[in-house]
Amino acid sequence: MWLRPVDLAREHGLSTQAVRNYEDAGILPPAGRSPHGYRRYSPRHAAALRAFLALVPAHGHPTASAVMRAVNGGAVDEALRLIDESHVRLAGDRSTLRDVEDALRGLAPQRDPEAEPGATFIGPLAHRLGLRPATLRTWERAGLVVPRRDARTGYRVYGSADVRDALLAHQLRRGGHGLDRIARVLAEVRTAGGPEPLQAALEEWRGRLRARGLAMLTAAAALDAYLCQAADAVATPAG
């Protein structure tokens, strides 16, 4: 059974040009041609498109595209490696969320930084967090961290509350939050002296991770169906 580009497009609310673009990008296998030169797709192409569109919310567009190109090129092991890496990233994001929650449990009202022992400077703090000092300066301009200045040297001095804010900012950035959102949350934390203002952000983050995990299950089923279609197409030559 041959399918037209419009037949594939209609199922997913796409344009026929999008279907052609996916083929040109290697996301779909090459189409056959009619005697008049029109593209002719098969159920295998329909399965490929379903697999790709399921992979996108699970792994992101770049990884989904790379997976499909690898499968269509016969490099199934490479496709599986890409998927494994995406699962590792999700596991890392879950670990980061747990780290943020653990950090919030230790939050205390901000104290006077002048009286705090163990203050640190921008270089050591950047090294501790695995960041560049320029990143901390950017965060300061955005209001994420507000270190005091040493009256004699003019150097930035980060007290324990500033270190806490930098840690939370770093972890929330890894969770996909923008600087403006993080600045508002941290400002509320400083005012409230507790973790309550972060609970909504953490719940939203947890929901995104849950959605990605469920999407990965759906994508795995769709990709498996496509691999079966591809294997059948190889085992059953057109005749």
Protein backbone atom coordinates (compact mmCIF):
# COMPACT_ATOMS: atom_id res chain seq x y z
CA MET A 1 0.00 0.00 0.00
CA TRP A 2 1.45 3.33 -1.06
CA LEU A 3 0.88 6.54 0.86
CA ARG A 4 1.14 10.15 -0.29
CA PRO A 5 2.91 12.87 1.72
CA VAL A 6 -0.51 14.28 2.61
CA ASP A 7 -1.53 10.90 4.09
CA LEU A 8 1.41 10.97 6.52
CA ALA A 9 0.96 14.66 7.25
CA ARG A 10 -2.77 14.47 7.97
CA GLU A 11 -2.37 11.91 10.79
CA HIS A 12 -0.23 14.32 12.81
CA GLY A 13 -1.53 17.72 11.72
CA LEU A 14 1.66 18.46 9.77
CA SER A 15 2.21 20.11 6.44
CA THR A 16 3.25 17.99 3.48
CA GLN A 17 6.40 20.12 3.28
CA ALA A 18 7.30 19.09 6.83
CA VAL A 19 7.08 15.43 5.78
CA ARG A 20 9.35 16.11 2.81
CA ASN A 21 11.76 17.99 5.07
CA TYR A 22 11.92 15.05 7.46
CA GLU A 23 12.78 12.76 4.57
CA ASP A 24 15.46 15.16 3.31
CA ALA A 25 16.93 15.28 6.84
CA GLY A 26 17.18 11.48 7.02
CA ILE A 27 14.51 11.21 9.73
CA LEU A 28 12.38 9.21 7.30
CA PRO A 29 13.94 6.63 4.98
CA PRO A 30 14.08 7.59 1.30
CA ALA A 31 10.71 7.42 -0.42
CA GLY A 32 9.98 5.50 -3.58
CA ARG A 33 8.87 7.31 -6.69
CA SER A 34 5.89 6.81 -8.95
CA PRO A 35 6.38 6.61 -12.73
CA HIS A 36 5.56 10.32 -12.77
CA GLY A 37 8.16 11.15 -10.09
CA TYR A 38 5.80 11.63 -7.13
CA ARG A 39 6.92 10.47 -3.69
CA ARG A 40 5.42 7.15 -2.60
CA TYR A 41 5.55 6.31 1.10
CA SER A 42 4.78 3.01 2.78
CA PRO A 43 3.54 1.92 6.24
CA ARG A 44 7.23 1.79 7.18
CA HIS A 45 7.48 5.55 6.59
CA ALA A 46 4.33 6.11 8.65
CA ALA A 47 5.90 4.12 11.50
CA ALA A 48 9.12 6.14 11.19
CA LEU A 49 7.21 9.41 11.48
CA ARG A 50 5.30 8.15 14.53
CA ALA A 51 8.56 7.07 16.14
CA PHE A 52 10.22 10.42 15.52
CA LEU A 53 7.31 12.45 16.84
CA ALA A 54 7.23 10.26 19.97
CA LEU A 55 10.98 10.62 20.46
CA VAL A 56 10.93 14.44 20.37
CA PRO A 57 9.14 15.08 23.72
CA ALA A 58 11.11 12.26 25.31
CA HIS A 59 14.63 13.12 24.20
CA GLY A 60 14.49 16.50 22.44
CA HIS A 61 14.56 17.31 18.74
CA PRO A 62 18.34 16.98 18.16
CA THR A 63 18.59 13.57 19.83
CA ALA A 64 15.37 12.33 18.20
CA SER A 65 16.70 13.36 14.78
CA ALA A 66 20.07 11.68 15.42
CA VAL A 67 18.37 8.49 16.58
CA MET A 68 16.24 8.27 13.44
CA ARG A 69 19.18 8.98 11.14
CA ALA A 70 21.18 6.27 12.89
CA VAL A 71 18.37 3.72 12.60
CA ASN A 72 17.75 4.55 8.95
CA GLY A 73 21.46 4.20 8.29
CA GLY A 74 21.55 0.76 9.84
CA ALA A 75 23.45 1.96 12.97
CA VAL A 76 21.00 0.66 15.57
CA ASP A 77 23.71 0.41 18.24
CA GLU A 78 24.46 4.12 17.81
CA ALA A 79 20.77 4.92 18.14
CA LEU A 80 20.60 2.92 21.37
CA ARG A 81 23.70 4.71 22.69
CA LEU A 82 22.03 8.08 22.12
CA ILE A 83 18.92 6.91 23.94
CA ASP A 84 21.02 5.57 26.82
CA GLU A 85 22.73 8.96 27.17
CA SER A 86 19.36 10.67 27.30
CA HIS A 87 18.24 8.34 30.09
CA VAL A 88 21.45 9.16 31.97
CA ARG A 89 20.67 12.87 31.65
CA LEU A 90 17.18 12.30 33.05
CA ALA A 91 18.63 10.35 35.97
CA GLY A 92 21.07 13.21 36.56
CA ASP A 93 18.25 15.74 36.55
CA ARG A 94 16.35 13.65 39.10
CA SER A 95 19.48 13.59 41.26
CA THR A 96 19.79 17.36 40.93
CA LEU A 97 16.20 17.79 42.06
CA ARG A 98 16.94 15.69 45.12
CA ASP A 99 20.01 17.83 45.79
CA VAL A 100 17.91 20.99 45.67
CA GLU A 101 15.37 19.49 48.06
CA ASP A 102 18.16 18.43 50.42
CA ALA A 103 19.67 21.92 50.26
CA LEU A 104 16.32 23.51 51.04
CA ARG A 105 15.94 21.43 54.17
CA GLY A 106 18.98 23.19 55.56
CA LEU A 107 17.85 26.72 54.76
CA ALA A 108 17.95 29.13 57.67
CA PRO A 109 17.11 32.84 57.96
CA GLN A 110 19.84 35.05 56.56
CA ARG A 111 22.27 36.37 59.13
CA ASP A 112 24.50 39.40 59.14
CA PRO A 113 27.31 38.54 56.69
CA GLU A 114 29.72 40.80 58.58
CA ALA A 115 29.43 38.47 61.58
CA GLU A 116 29.63 35.22 59.61
CA PRO A 117 32.72 33.05 59.83
CA GLY A 118 33.96 31.21 56.76
CA ALA A 119 33.24 33.90 54.18
CA THR A 120 34.69 33.25 50.75
CA PHE A 121 35.63 35.12 47.57
CA ILE A 122 34.50 34.78 43.98
CA GLY A 123 37.34 32.56 42.77
CA PRO A 124 37.03 29.83 45.42
CA LEU A 125 33.23 29.86 45.19
CA ALA A 126 33.29 29.55 41.40
CA HIS A 127 35.74 26.65 41.70
CA ARG A 128 33.55 24.94 44.29
CA LEU A 129 30.51 25.15 42.02
CA GLY A 130 32.37 24.29 38.81
CA LEU A 131 31.53 27.67 37.27
CA ARG A 132 33.47 30.58 35.84
CA PRO A 133 33.75 33.73 37.96
CA ALA A 134 32.06 35.57 35.08
CA THR A 135 28.96 33.43 35.64
CA LEU A 136 28.74 34.54 39.27
CA ARG A 137 29.10 38.16 38.15
CA THR A 138 26.24 37.63 35.68
CA TRP A 139 24.13 36.13 38.44
CA GLU A 140 24.92 39.12 40.65
CA ARG A 141 23.70 41.53 37.95
CA ALA A 142 20.52 39.45 37.68
CA GLY A 143 19.99 39.60 41.45
CA LEU A 144 20.59 35.92 42.10
CA VAL A 145 23.45 36.51 44.53
CA VAL A 146 24.12 39.72 46.47
CA PRO A 147 27.59 39.51 48.05
CA ARG A 148 28.84 42.39 50.13
CA ARG A 149 32.00 44.29 49.22
CA ASP A 150 35.01 44.35 51.47
CA ALA A 151 35.38 47.95 52.67
CA ARG A 152 39.16 47.91 52.30
CA THR A 153 39.78 45.92 49.10
CA GLY A 154 36.46 46.20 47.31
CA TYR A 155 36.44 42.43 46.73
CA ARG A 156 33.17 40.55 46.73
CA VAL A 157 32.68 38.60 49.95
CA TYR A 158 30.23 35.70 49.94
CA GLY A 159 28.77 34.76 53.30
CA SER A 160 27.05 31.46 54.02
CA ALA A 161 23.68 32.77 52.81
CA ASP A 162 25.29 33.93 49.55
CA VAL A 163 26.87 30.52 49.06
CA ARG A 164 23.48 28.94 49.68
CA ASP A 165 21.89 31.22 47.09
CA ALA A 166 24.63 30.43 44.55
CA LEU A 167 24.16 26.71 45.13
CA LEU A 168 20.40 26.92 44.68
CA ALA A 169 20.79 29.12 41.60
CA HIS A 170 23.20 26.63 40.07
CA GLN A 171 20.89 23.71 40.73
CA LEU A 172 17.79 25.53 39.48
CA ARG A 173 19.61 26.57 36.31
CA ARG A 174 20.37 22.91 35.69
CA GLY A 175 16.67 22.26 36.17
CA GLY A 176 15.82 24.57 33.27
CA HIS A 177 14.72 27.71 35.14
CA GLY A 178 15.53 31.14 33.73
CA LEU A 179 17.51 33.80 35.59
CA ASP A 180 14.48 36.06 36.10
CA ARG A 181 12.48 33.24 37.66
CA ILE A 182 15.36 32.18 39.90
CA ALA A 183 15.96 35.78 41.03
CA ARG A 184 12.31 36.11 42.07
CA VAL A 185 12.35 32.81 43.93
CA LEU A 186 15.59 33.59 45.78
CA ALA A 187 14.35 37.07 46.69
CA GLU A 188 11.30 35.45 48.26
CA VAL A 189 13.47 32.91 50.07
CA ARG A 190 15.61 35.70 51.54
CA THR A 191 12.52 37.56 52.70
CA ALA A 192 10.70 34.52 54.03
CA GLY A 193 13.76 32.82 55.50
CA GLY A 194 12.48 29.40 54.47
CA PRO A 195 11.94 27.02 51.56
CA GLU A 196 8.22 27.53 51.03
CA PRO A 197 8.54 29.85 47.99
CA LEU A 198 10.45 27.14 46.14
CA GLN A 199 7.87 24.41 46.56
CA ALA A 200 5.80 25.40 43.51
CA ALA A 201 8.93 25.57 41.32
CA LEU A 202 10.11 22.19 42.57
CA GLU A 203 6.72 20.62 41.95
CA GLU A 204 6.71 22.02 38.41
CA TRP A 205 10.21 20.65 37.86
CA ARG A 206 9.18 17.25 39.25
CA GLY A 207 6.21 17.25 36.88
CA ARG A 208 8.46 17.92 33.88
CA LEU A 209 10.75 15.05 34.84
CA ARG A 210 7.76 12.75 35.26
CA ALA A 211 6.43 13.77 31.83
CA ARG A 212 9.82 13.09 30.23
CA GLY A 213 10.01 9.67 31.85
CA LEU A 214 6.54 8.73 30.62
CA ALA A 215 7.34 10.11 27.15
CA MET A 216 10.41 7.88 27.05
CA LEU A 217 8.16 4.84 27.58
CA THR A 218 5.89 5.93 24.74
CA ALA A 219 8.88 6.65 22.50
CA ALA A 220 10.43 3.26 23.21
CA ALA A 221 7.24 1.51 22.08
CA ALA A 222 6.99 3.63 18.92
CA LEU A 223 10.65 3.08 18.03
CA ASP A 224 10.30 -0.67 18.61
CA ALA A 225 7.30 -0.72 16.25
CA TYR A 226 9.34 1.09 13.63
CA LEU A 227 12.28 -1.28 13.98
CA CYS A 228 9.90 -4.20 13.46
CA GLN A 229 8.46 -2.51 10.35
CA ALA A 230 11.96 -1.91 9.01
CA ALA A 231 12.96 -5.52 9.65
CA ASP A 232 9.84 -6.78 7.88
CA ALA A 233 10.57 -4.52 4.90
CA VAL A 234 14.05 -6.00 4.59
CA ALA A 235 12.79 -9.57 4.97
CA THR A 236 9.98 -9.07 2.46
CA PRO A 237 11.29 -7.47 -0.74
CA ALA A 238 8.76 -5.54 -2.74
CA GLY A 239 7.45 -7.49 -5.63
